[in-house]
C-alpha atoms as a PDB file:
ATOM      1  CA  UNK A   1      26.101  39.925 -55.117  1.00  0.00           C
ATOM      2  CA  UNK A   2      23.340  37.339 -54.732  1.00  0.00           C
ATOM      3  CA  UNK A   3      21.293  36.387 -51.692  1.00  0.00           C
ATOM      4  CA  UNK A   4      23.294  33.160 -51.446  1.00  0.00           C
ATOM      5  CA  UNK A   5      26.591  35.066 -51.367  1.00  0.00           C
ATOM      6  CA  UNK A   6      25.291  37.389 -48.643  1.00  0.00           C
ATOM      7  CA  UNK A   7      24.134  34.417 -46.564  1.00  0.00           C
ATOM      8  CA  UNK A   8      27.569  32.801 -46.827  1.00  0.00           C
ATOM      9  CA  UNK A   9      29.203  36.041 -45.626  1.00  0.00           C
ATOM     10  CA  UNK A  10      26.603  36.184 -42.854  1.00  0.00           C
ATOM     11  CA  UNK A  11      27.265  32.722 -41.443  1.00  0.00           C
ATOM     12  CA  UNK A  12      31.062  33.114 -41.614  1.00  0.00           C
ATOM     13  CA  UNK A  13      31.076  36.493 -39.835  1.00  0.00           C
ATOM     14  CA  UNK A  14      28.460  35.364 -37.309  1.00  0.00           C
ATOM     15  CA  UNK A  15      30.460  32.236 -36.489  1.00  0.00           C
ATOM     16  CA  UNK A  16      33.603  34.315 -35.935  1.00  0.00           C
ATOM     17  CA  UNK A  17      31.677  36.611 -33.597  1.00  0.00           C
ATOM     18  CA  UNK A  18      30.292  33.693 -31.586  1.00  0.00           C
ATOM     19  CA  UNK A  19      33.699  32.025 -31.293  1.00  0.00           C
ATOM     20  CA  UNK A  20      34.900  35.198 -29.569  1.00  0.00           C
ATOM     21  CA  UNK A  21      31.823  35.454 -27.320  1.00  0.00           C
ATOM     22  CA  UNK A  22      31.898  31.800 -26.251  1.00  0.00           C
ATOM     23  CA  UNK A  23      35.617  31.013 -25.975  1.00  0.00           C
ATOM     24  CA  UNK A  24      37.492  34.255 -25.309  1.00  0.00           C
ATOM     25  CA  UNK A  25      37.762  36.855 -22.588  1.00  0.00           C
ATOM     26  CA  UNK A  26      36.910  40.464 -23.553  1.00  0.00           C
ATOM     27  CA  UNK A  27      40.442  41.390 -22.520  1.00  0.00           C
ATOM     28  CA  UNK A  28      41.929  39.128 -25.193  1.00  0.00           C
ATOM     29  CA  UNK A  29      43.169  40.842 -28.399  1.00  0.00           C
ATOM     30  CA  UNK A  30      41.796  37.930 -30.412  1.00  0.00           C
ATOM     31  CA  UNK A  31      38.389  38.661 -28.879  1.00  0.00           C
ATOM     32  CA  UNK A  32      38.427  42.158 -30.353  1.00  0.00           C
ATOM     33  CA  UNK A  33      39.558  40.986 -33.787  1.00  0.00           C
ATOM     34  CA  UNK A  34      36.911  38.269 -34.034  1.00  0.00           C
ATOM     35  CA  UNK A  35      34.187  40.662 -32.838  1.00  0.00           C
ATOM     36  CA  UNK A  36      35.313  43.125 -35.519  1.00  0.00           C
ATOM     37  CA  UNK A  37      35.074  40.385 -38.162  1.00  0.00           C
ATOM     38  CA  UNK A  38      31.595  39.615 -36.875  1.00  0.00           C
ATOM     39  CA  UNK A  39      30.220  43.180 -37.088  1.00  0.00           C
ATOM     40  CA  UNK A  40      28.949  42.938 -40.698  1.00  0.00           C
ATOM     41  CA  UNK A  41      26.706  40.011 -39.738  1.00  0.00           C
ATOM     42  CA  UNK A  42      23.925  42.122 -38.207  1.00  0.00           C
ATOM     43  CA  UNK A  43      23.350  44.594 -41.088  1.00  0.00           C
ATOM     44  CA  UNK A  44      23.432  41.703 -43.571  1.00  0.00           C
ATOM     45  CA  UNK A  45      20.925  39.711 -41.467  1.00  0.00           C
ATOM     46  CA  UNK A  46      18.632  42.745 -41.174  1.00  0.00           C
ATOM     47  CA  UNK A  47      18.839  43.398 -44.919  1.00  0.00           C
ATOM     48  CA  UNK A  48      18.056  39.769 -45.780  1.00  0.00           C
ATOM     49  CA  UNK A  49      15.139  39.812 -43.333  1.00  0.00           C
ATOM     50  CA  UNK A  50      13.585  42.868 -44.984  1.00  0.00           C
ATOM     51  CA  UNK A  51      14.287  41.451 -48.448  1.00  0.00           C
ATOM     52  CA  UNK A  52      12.780  38.101 -47.504  1.00  0.00           C
ATOM     53  CA  UNK A  53       9.721  39.808 -46.028  1.00  0.00           C
ATOM     54  CA  UNK A  54       9.016  41.525 -49.342  1.00  0.00           C
ATOM     55  CA  UNK A  55       9.640  38.447 -51.502  1.00  0.00           C
ATOM     56  CA  UNK A  56       8.360  35.521 -49.432  1.00  0.00           C
ATOM     57  CA  UNK A  57       5.226  33.693 -50.531  1.00  0.00           C
ATOM     58  CA  UNK A  58       4.016  33.340 -46.928  1.00  0.00           C
ATOM     59  CA  UNK A  59       4.963  35.897 -44.312  1.00  0.00           C
ATOM     60  CA  UNK A  60       3.285  33.870 -41.596  1.00  0.00           C
ATOM     61  CA  UNK A  61       5.397  30.791 -42.326  1.00  0.00           C
ATOM     62  CA  UNK A  62       8.516  32.982 -42.618  1.00  0.00           C
ATOM     63  CA  UNK A  63       7.885  34.430 -39.155  1.00  0.00           C
ATOM     64  CA  UNK A  64       7.117  30.997 -37.699  1.00  0.00           C
ATOM     65  CA  UNK A  65      10.343  29.486 -39.090  1.00  0.00           C
ATOM     66  CA  UNK A  66      12.332  32.348 -37.610  1.00  0.00           C
ATOM     67  CA  UNK A  67      10.643  32.003 -34.217  1.00  0.00           C
ATOM     68  CA  UNK A  68      11.094  28.210 -34.057  1.00  0.00           C
ATOM     69  CA  UNK A  69      14.786  28.571 -34.976  1.00  0.00           C
ATOM     70  CA  UNK A  70      15.135  31.187 -32.230  1.00  0.00           C
ATOM     71  CA  UNK A  71      13.567  28.793 -29.694  1.00  0.00           C
ATOM     72  CA  UNK A  72      15.917  25.948 -30.626  1.00  0.00           C
ATOM     73  CA  UNK A  73      18.972  28.202 -30.548  1.00  0.00           C
ATOM     74  CA  UNK A  74      17.863  29.608 -27.195  1.00  0.00           C
ATOM     75  CA  UNK A  75      18.476  26.244 -25.510  1.00  0.00           C
ATOM     76  CA  UNK A  76      22.206  26.805 -25.982  1.00  0.00           C
ATOM     77  CA  UNK A  77      22.065  30.597 -25.607  1.00  0.00           C
ATOM     78  CA  UNK A  78      20.475  30.392 -22.148  1.00  0.00           C
ATOM     79  CA  UNK A  79      23.075  27.838 -21.031  1.00  0.00           C
ATOM     80  CA  UNK A  80      25.811  30.197 -22.244  1.00  0.00           C
ATOM     81  CA  UNK A  81      24.182  33.150 -20.475  1.00  0.00           C
ATOM     82  CA  UNK A  82      23.986  31.209 -17.203  1.00  0.00           C
ATOM     83  CA  UNK A  83      27.619  30.088 -17.350  1.00  0.00           C
ATOM     84  CA  UNK A  84      28.865  33.572 -18.182  1.00  0.00           C
ATOM     85  CA  UNK A  85      26.742  35.050 -15.368  1.00  0.00           C
ATOM     86  CA  UNK A  86      28.151  32.520 -12.884  1.00  0.00           C
ATOM     87  CA  UNK A  87      31.707  33.281 -14.036  1.00  0.00           C
ATOM     88  CA  UNK A  88      31.064  37.039 -13.697  1.00  0.00           C
ATOM     89  CA  UNK A  89      29.685  36.561 -10.177  1.00  0.00           C
ATOM     90  CA  UNK A  90      32.777  34.584  -9.199  1.00  0.00           C
ATOM     91  CA  UNK A  91      35.011  37.300 -10.641  1.00  0.00           C
ATOM     92  CA  UNK A  92      33.164  39.974  -8.645  1.00  0.00           C
ATOM     93  CA  UNK A  93      33.459  37.921  -5.465  1.00  0.00           C
ATOM     94  CA  UNK A  94      37.177  37.396  -6.061  1.00  0.00           C
ATOM     95  CA  UNK A  95      37.672  41.139  -6.585  1.00  0.00           C
ATOM     96  CA  UNK A  96      35.785  41.809  -3.341  1.00  0.00           C
ATOM     97  CA  UNK A  97      37.959  39.380  -1.405  1.00  0.00           C
ATOM     98  CA  UNK A  98      41.092  40.896  -2.975  1.00  0.00           C
ATOM     99  CA  UNK A  99      39.952  44.327  -1.744  1.00  0.00           C
ATOM    100  CA  UNK A 100      39.775  43.054   1.831  1.00  0.00           C
ATOM    101  CA  UNK A 101      36.388  41.358   1.884  1.00  0.00           C
ATOM    102  CA  UNK A 102      34.458  41.120   5.138  1.00  0.00           C
ATOM    103  CA  UNK A 103      37.585  41.937   7.119  1.00  0.00           C
ATOM    104  CA  UNK A 104      37.428  45.536   5.864  1.00  0.00           C
ATOM    105  CA  UNK A 105      33.864  46.027   4.597  1.00  0.00           C
ATOM    106  CA  UNK A 106      32.185  44.011   7.374  1.00  0.00           C
ATOM    107  CA  UNK A 107      28.780  42.299   7.175  1.00  0.00           C
ATOM    108  CA  UNK A 108      27.073  44.501   4.598  1.00  0.00           C
ATOM    109  CA  UNK A 109      30.399  45.197   2.954  1.00  0.00           C
ATOM    110  CA  UNK A 110      29.774  43.385  -0.333  1.00  0.00           C
ATOM    111  CA  UNK A 111      27.068  45.826  -1.458  1.00  0.00           C
ATOM    112  CA  UNK A 112      28.932  48.786   0.013  1.00  0.00           C
ATOM    113  CA  UNK A 113      32.048  47.789  -1.905  1.00  0.00           C
ATOM    114  CA  UNK A 114      30.046  47.268  -5.092  1.00  0.00           C
ATOM    115  CA  UNK A 115      28.704  50.816  -4.803  1.00  0.00           C
ATOM    116  CA  UNK A 116      32.260  52.151  -4.821  1.00  0.00           C
ATOM    117  CA  UNK A 117      32.975  50.652  -8.262  1.00  0.00           C
ATOM    118  CA  UNK A 118      33.044  52.980 -11.234  1.00  0.00           C
ATOM    119  CA  UNK A 119      30.933  52.320 -14.342  1.00  0.00           C
ATOM    120  CA  UNK A 120      34.030  51.098 -16.164  1.00  0.00           C
ATOM    121  CA  UNK A 121      34.890  48.701 -13.327  1.00  0.00           C
ATOM    122  CA  UNK A 122      31.353  47.306 -13.293  1.00  0.00           C
ATOM    123  CA  UNK A 123      31.400  46.953 -17.073  1.00  0.00           C
ATOM    124  CA  UNK A 124      34.421  44.662 -16.987  1.00  0.00           C
ATOM    125  CA  UNK A 125      32.284  42.055 -15.219  1.00  0.00           C
ATOM    126  CA  UNK A 126      29.227  42.363 -17.498  1.00  0.00           C
ATOM    127  CA  UNK A 127      30.635  43.052 -20.985  1.00  0.00           C
ATOM    128  CA  UNK A 128      31.285  39.370 -21.576  1.00  0.00           C
ATOM    129  CA  UNK A 129      27.732  38.263 -20.764  1.00  0.00           C
ATOM    130  CA  UNK A 130      25.365  37.654 -23.667  1.00  0.00           C
ATOM    131  CA  UNK A 131      21.771  38.962 -23.376  1.00  0.00           C
ATOM    132  CA  UNK A 132      19.210  36.381 -22.174  1.00  0.00           C
ATOM    133  CA  UNK A 133      17.383  36.239 -25.545  1.00  0.00           C
ATOM    134  CA  UNK A 134      19.251  35.681 -28.797  1.00  0.00           C
ATOM    135  CA  UNK A 135      19.157  37.908 -31.879  1.00  0.00           C
ATOM    136  CA  UNK A 136      16.638  35.720 -33.721  1.00  0.00           C
ATOM    137  CA  UNK A 137      14.017  36.769 -31.186  1.00  0.00           C
ATOM    138  CA  UNK A 138      14.904  40.364 -32.016  1.00  0.00           C
ATOM    139  CA  UNK A 139      14.491  39.612 -35.712  1.00  0.00           C
ATOM    140  CA  UNK A 140      11.154  37.911 -35.008  1.00  0.00           C
ATOM    141  CA  UNK A 141       9.940  41.115 -33.347  1.00  0.00           C
ATOM    142  CA  UNK A 142      11.280  42.983 -36.376  1.00  0.00           C
ATOM    143  CA  UNK A 143       9.173  40.743 -38.634  1.00  0.00           C
ATOM    144  CA  UNK A 144       6.063  41.684 -36.661  1.00  0.00           C
ATOM    145  CA  UNK A 145       7.148  45.316 -36.932  1.00  0.00           C
ATOM    146  CA  UNK A 146       7.391  44.951 -40.718  1.00  0.00           C
ATOM    147  CA  UNK A 147       3.887  43.485 -40.865  1.00  0.00           C
ATOM    148  CA  UNK A 148       2.545  46.636 -39.199  1.00  0.00           C
ATOM    149  CA  UNK A 149       4.689  48.930 -41.322  1.00  0.00           C
ATOM    150  CA  UNK A 150       3.541  47.209 -44.499  1.00  0.00           C
ATOM    151  CA  UNK A 151      -0.106  47.690 -43.523  1.00  0.00           C
ATOM    152  CA  UNK A 152       0.554  51.352 -42.839  1.00  0.00           C
ATOM    153  CA  UNK A 153       2.163  51.794 -46.237  1.00  0.00           C
ATOM    154  CA  UNK A 154      -0.784  50.146 -47.957  1.00  0.00           C
ATOM    155  CA  UNK A 155      -3.240  52.278 -46.022  1.00  0.00           C
ATOM    156  CA  UNK A 156      -1.543  55.643 -46.427  1.00  0.00           C
ATOM    157  CA  UNK A 157       0.092  55.075 -49.815  1.00  0.00           C
ATOM    158  CA  UNK A 158       2.746  57.455 -51.092  1.00  0.00           C
ATOM    159  CA  UNK A 159       3.448  60.661 -49.235  1.00  0.00           C
ATOM    160  CA  UNK A 160       2.230  63.730 -51.151  1.00  0.00           C
ATOM    161  CA  UNK A 161       3.363  67.365 -50.705  1.00  0.00           C
ATOM    162  CA  UNK A 162      -0.202  68.718 -50.505  1.00  0.00           C
ATOM    163  CA  UNK A 163      -1.410  66.289 -47.819  1.00  0.00           C
ATOM    164  CA  UNK A 164       0.400  67.475 -44.715  1.00  0.00           C
ATOM    165  CA  UNK A 165      -1.973  65.957 -42.132  1.00  0.00           C
ATOM    166  CA  UNK A 166      -1.978  62.594 -43.869  1.00  0.00           C
ATOM    167  CA  UNK A 167       1.817  62.614 -44.158  1.00  0.00           C
ATOM    168  CA  UNK A 168       2.263  63.535 -40.495  1.00  0.00           C
ATOM    169  CA  UNK A 169      -0.110  60.766 -39.435  1.00  0.00           C
ATOM    170  CA  UNK A 170       1.768  58.278 -41.573  1.00  0.00           C
ATOM    171  CA  UNK A 171       5.169  59.298 -40.186  1.00  0.00           C
ATOM    172  CA  UNK A 172       3.863  59.255 -36.614  1.00  0.00           C
ATOM    173  CA  UNK A 173       2.428  55.755 -37.025  1.00  0.00           C
ATOM    174  CA  UNK A 174       5.617  54.447 -38.650  1.00  0.00           C
ATOM    175  CA  UNK A 175       7.842  55.947 -35.951  1.00  0.00           C
ATOM    176  CA  UNK A 176       5.551  54.620 -33.216  1.00  0.00           C
ATOM    177  CA  UNK A 177       5.757  51.120 -34.704  1.00  0.00           C
ATOM    178  CA  UNK A 178       9.558  51.224 -34.716  1.00  0.00           C
ATOM    179  CA  UNK A 179       9.685  52.616 -31.178  1.00  0.00           C
ATOM    180  CA  UNK A 180       7.308  49.888 -29.986  1.00  0.00           C
ATOM    181  CA  UNK A 181       9.581  47.210 -31.469  1.00  0.00           C
ATOM    182  CA  UNK A 182      12.610  48.789 -29.757  1.00  0.00           C
ATOM    183  CA  UNK A 183      10.799  48.905 -26.399  1.00  0.00           C
ATOM    184  CA  UNK A 184       9.720  45.254 -26.649  1.00  0.00           C
ATOM    185  CA  UNK A 185      13.250  44.129 -27.486  1.00  0.00           C
ATOM    186  CA  UNK A 186      14.785  46.252 -24.720  1.00  0.00           C
ATOM    187  CA  UNK A 187      12.332  45.193 -22.009  1.00  0.00           C
ATOM    188  CA  UNK A 188      12.728  41.515 -22.937  1.00  0.00           C
ATOM    189  CA  UNK A 189      16.543  41.945 -22.904  1.00  0.00           C
ATOM    190  CA  UNK A 190      16.998  40.756 -26.473  1.00  0.00           C
ATOM    191  CA  UNK A 191      20.222  41.102 -28.438  1.00  0.00           C
ATOM    192  CA  UNK A 192      20.669  44.403 -30.358  1.00  0.00           C
ATOM    193  CA  UNK A 193      17.371  45.892 -29.089  1.00  0.00           C
ATOM    194  CA  UNK A 194      17.916  49.330 -30.645  1.00  0.00           C
ATOM    195  CA  UNK A 195      20.106  48.863 -33.700  1.00  0.00           C
ATOM    196  CA  UNK A 196      18.365  45.813 -35.206  1.00  0.00           C
ATOM    197  CA  UNK A 197      14.827  47.314 -35.449  1.00  0.00           C
ATOM    198  CA  UNK A 198      16.224  50.576 -36.830  1.00  0.00           C
ATOM    199  CA  UNK A 199      18.312  48.724 -39.421  1.00  0.00           C
ATOM    200  CA  UNK A 200      15.450  46.478 -40.518  1.00  0.00           C
ATOM    201  CA  UNK A 201      13.125  49.481 -40.764  1.00  0.00           C
ATOM    202  CA  UNK A 202      15.676  51.386 -42.866  1.00  0.00           C
ATOM    203  CA  UNK A 203      16.102  48.422 -45.218  1.00  0.00           C
ATOM    204  CA  UNK A 204      12.334  48.127 -45.644  1.00  0.00           C
ATOM    205  CA  UNK A 205      11.475  51.801 -46.052  1.00  0.00           C
ATOM    206  CA  UNK A 206      14.265  52.455 -48.553  1.00  0.00           C
ATOM    207  CA  UNK A 207      14.139  49.071 -50.304  1.00  0.00           C
ATOM    208  CA  UNK A 208      13.634  50.773 -53.681  1.00  0.00           C
ATOM    209  CA  UNK A 209      16.161  53.545 -53.023  1.00  0.00           C
ATOM    210  CA  UNK A 210      19.502  51.842 -52.532  1.00  0.00           C
ATOM    211  CA  UNK A 211      21.554  55.004 -51.901  1.00  0.00           C
ATOM    212  CA  UNK A 212      19.112  56.238 -49.266  1.00  0.00           C
ATOM    213  CA  UNK A 213      19.237  52.799 -47.685  1.00  0.00           C
ATOM    214  CA  UNK A 214      23.023  52.983 -47.444  1.00  0.00           C
ATOM    215  CA  UNK A 215      22.727  56.352 -45.661  1.00  0.00           C
ATOM    216  CA  UNK A 216      20.196  54.888 -43.209  1.00  0.00           C
ATOM    217  CA  UNK A 217      22.409  51.854 -42.555  1.00  0.00           C
ATOM    218  CA  UNK A 218      25.410  54.110 -42.119  1.00  0.00           C
ATOM    219  CA  UNK A 219      23.566  56.066 -39.415  1.00  0.00           C
ATOM    220  CA  UNK A 220      22.597  52.788 -37.744  1.00  0.00           C
ATOM    221  CA  UNK A 221      26.269  51.808 -37.868  1.00  0.00           C
ATOM    222  CA  UNK A 222      27.189  55.002 -36.047  1.00  0.00           C
ATOM    223  CA  UNK A 223      24.739  54.032 -33.282  1.00  0.00           C
ATOM    224  CA  UNK A 224      26.141  50.499 -33.199  1.00  0.00           C
ATOM    225  CA  UNK A 225      29.663  51.835 -32.854  1.00  0.00           C
ATOM    226  CA  UNK A 226      29.091  54.415 -30.128  1.00  0.00           C
ATOM    227  CA  UNK A 227      31.980  54.071 -27.711  1.00  0.00           C
ATOM    228  CA  UNK A 228      33.809  51.703 -30.058  1.00  0.00           C
ATOM    229  CA  UNK A 229      34.684  53.411 -33.384  1.00  0.00           C
ATOM    230  CA  UNK A 230      36.417  50.305 -34.727  1.00  0.00           C
ATOM    231  CA  UNK A 231      33.091  48.432 -34.502  1.00  0.00           C
ATOM    232  CA  UNK A 232      31.434  51.215 -36.472  1.00  0.00           C
ATOM    233  CA  UNK A 233      34.050  50.916 -39.236  1.00  0.00           C
ATOM    234  CA  UNK A 234      33.650  47.127 -39.277  1.00  0.00           C
ATOM    235  CA  UNK A 235      29.852  47.541 -39.606  1.00  0.00           C
ATOM    236  CA  UNK A 236      30.423  49.723 -42.681  1.00  0.00           C
ATOM    237  CA  UNK A 237      32.165  46.809 -44.444  1.00  0.00           C
ATOM    238  CA  UNK A 238      28.710  45.351 -45.063  1.00  0.00           C
ATOM    239  CA  UNK A 239      27.445  48.419 -46.937  1.00  0.00           C
ATOM    240  CA  UNK A 240      29.237  47.904 -50.287  1.00  0.00           C
ATOM    241  CA  UNK A 241      28.186  44.245 -50.231  1.00  0.00           C
ATOM    242  CA  UNK A 242      24.558  45.225 -49.732  1.00  0.00           C
ATOM    243  CA  UNK A 243      24.787  47.978 -52.319  1.00  0.00           C
ATOM    244  CA  UNK A 244      25.939  45.442 -54.917  1.00  0.00           C
ATOM    245  CA  UNK A 245      23.047  43.083 -54.188  1.00  0.00           C
ATOM    246  CA  UNK A 246      21.417  42.171 -57.501  1.00  0.00           C
ATOM    247  CA  UNK A 247      18.110  40.851 -56.203  1.00  0.00           C
ATOM    248  CA  UNK A 248      18.829  37.269 -57.304  1.00  0.00           C
ATOM    249  CA  UNK A 249      18.656  34.192 -55.120  1.00  0.00           C
ATOM    250  CA  UNK A 250      21.886  32.664 -56.410  1.00  0.00           C
ATOM    251  CA  UNK A 251      20.635  29.094 -56.663  1.00  0.00           C
ATOM    252  CA  UNK A 252      17.673  27.116 -57.989  1.00  0.00           C
ATOM    253  CA  UNK A 253      15.258  26.353 -55.154  1.00  0.00           C
ATOM    254  CA  UNK A 254      13.733  23.447 -57.058  1.00  0.00           C
ATOM    255  CA  UNK A 255      17.146  21.782 -57.447  1.00  0.00           C
ATOM    256  CA  UNK A 256      18.519  22.635 -54.001  1.00  0.00           C
ATOM    257  CA  UNK A 257      15.524  22.958 -51.643  1.00  0.00           C
ATOM    258  CA  UNK A 258      17.725  21.826 -48.744  1.00  0.00           C
ATOM    259  CA  UNK A 259      19.795  25.019 -48.868  1.00  0.00           C
ATOM    260  CA  UNK A 260      17.114  27.097 -47.134  1.00  0.00           C
ATOM    261  CA  UNK A 261      16.814  24.484 -44.402  1.00  0.00           C
ATOM    262  CA  UNK A 262      20.598  24.441 -44.028  1.00  0.00           C
ATOM    263  CA  UNK A 263      20.771  28.197 -43.462  1.00  0.00           C
ATOM    264  CA  UNK A 264      18.036  28.033 -40.826  1.00  0.00           C
ATOM    265  CA  UNK A 265      19.669  25.031 -39.147  1.00  0.00           C
ATOM    266  CA  UNK A 266      23.094  26.684 -39.074  1.00  0.00           C
ATOM    267  CA  UNK A 267      22.245  29.039 -36.201  1.00  0.00           C
ATOM    268  CA  UNK A 268      21.259  26.453 -33.552  1.00  0.00           C
ATOM    269  CA  UNK A 269      23.696  23.872 -34.940  1.00  0.00           C
ATOM    270  CA  UNK A 270      26.802  26.054 -34.728  1.00  0.00           C
ATOM    271  CA  UNK A 271      25.744  27.273 -31.267  1.00  0.00           C
ATOM    272  CA  UNK A 272      25.372  23.671 -30.133  1.00  0.00           C
ATOM    273  CA  UNK A 273      28.852  22.777 -31.403  1.00  0.00           C
ATOM    274  CA  UNK A 274      30.549  25.854 -29.931  1.00  0.00           C
ATOM    275  CA  UNK A 275      28.805  25.781 -26.546  1.00  0.00           C
ATOM    276  CA  UNK A 276      29.298  22.043 -26.078  1.00  0.00           C
ATOM    277  CA  UNK A 277      32.946  22.341 -27.084  1.00  0.00           C
ATOM    278  CA  UNK A 278      33.482  25.187 -24.610  1.00  0.00           C
ATOM    279  CA  UNK A 279      31.708  23.482 -21.693  1.00  0.00           C
ATOM    280  CA  UNK A 280      32.320  19.858 -22.652  1.00  0.00           C
ATOM    281  CA  UNK A 281      33.475  18.739 -19.195  1.00  0.00           C
ATOM    282  CA  UNK A 282      30.600  20.520 -17.481  1.00  0.00           C
ATOM    283  CA  UNK A 283      27.969  19.091 -19.819  1.00  0.00           C
ATOM    284  CA  UNK A 284      29.262  15.561 -20.277  1.00  0.00           C
ATOM    285  CA  UNK A 285      31.704  15.080 -17.390  1.00  0.00           C
ATOM    286  CA  UNK A 286      29.102  13.603 -15.055  1.00  0.00           C
ATOM    287  CA  UNK A 287      28.237  10.743 -17.403  1.00  0.00           C
ATOM    288  CA  UNK A 288      29.972   7.580 -16.240  1.00  0.00           C
ATOM    289  CA  UNK A 289      30.908   6.340 -19.720  1.00  0.00           C
ATOM    290  CA  UNK A 290      33.019   9.445 -20.256  1.00  0.00           C
ATOM    291  CA  UNK A 291      34.973   8.717 -17.113  1.00  0.00           C
ATOM    292  CA  UNK A 292      35.860   5.156 -18.053  1.00  0.00           C
END
């Protein structure tokens, strides 16, 4: 399994996931199936990020490309987030009116009614809303995390049985770096704030121990699937693909230099196509030449 093959699997599964998020209601059975198909995308993306970090000729340029792609994709992600938030607010208001509205709950009734909702009832209005910042921002934070982790590894070197204090200091610094990345992603409301940093860290730490890496990714999959076991099983589909990775690129960069650009461009490009297709009338309906 080459890097090229993994990237093809990544873009196909990611596209399926985004079709569900953009076009379908969480109550739709097709929504669940497409989200299941999309689960392997994250572990593959995290693996390729860690692999690229180790092999790239310029980590600074790698991080910059990722960040710029995240910014471009965010133009469409924020629009999607706003539309889904507006739709959720309308759904909440409709549910309030169906429950009797101001006639029963009176002036301050909206908040009083909202406080009577169970966690499951509240979740039905928010589960379909994407986080404000897309997953490429999360992966950018993970790149910065890897830069710190790499420096720690170079400073502390290999862990030795007879150097307990040194080993404890190394483990504490590594764990603190991962926790810091998780906190940044969570506070900024990025996509996959917990699972992505843990997965990237596992891929980096165990990059030379493939079986240990699979165990780490399996544990991350358990976290990703908490409350939804079928998502956990779908996540695990990525593990045999990653285990069979042969370390090869899969194409000649000198002959096909455009392939790297294509993979970076795919994220904002497919978001643009899907979001504009979903909200075509809203985006373009006000232009007079469309009404003629």
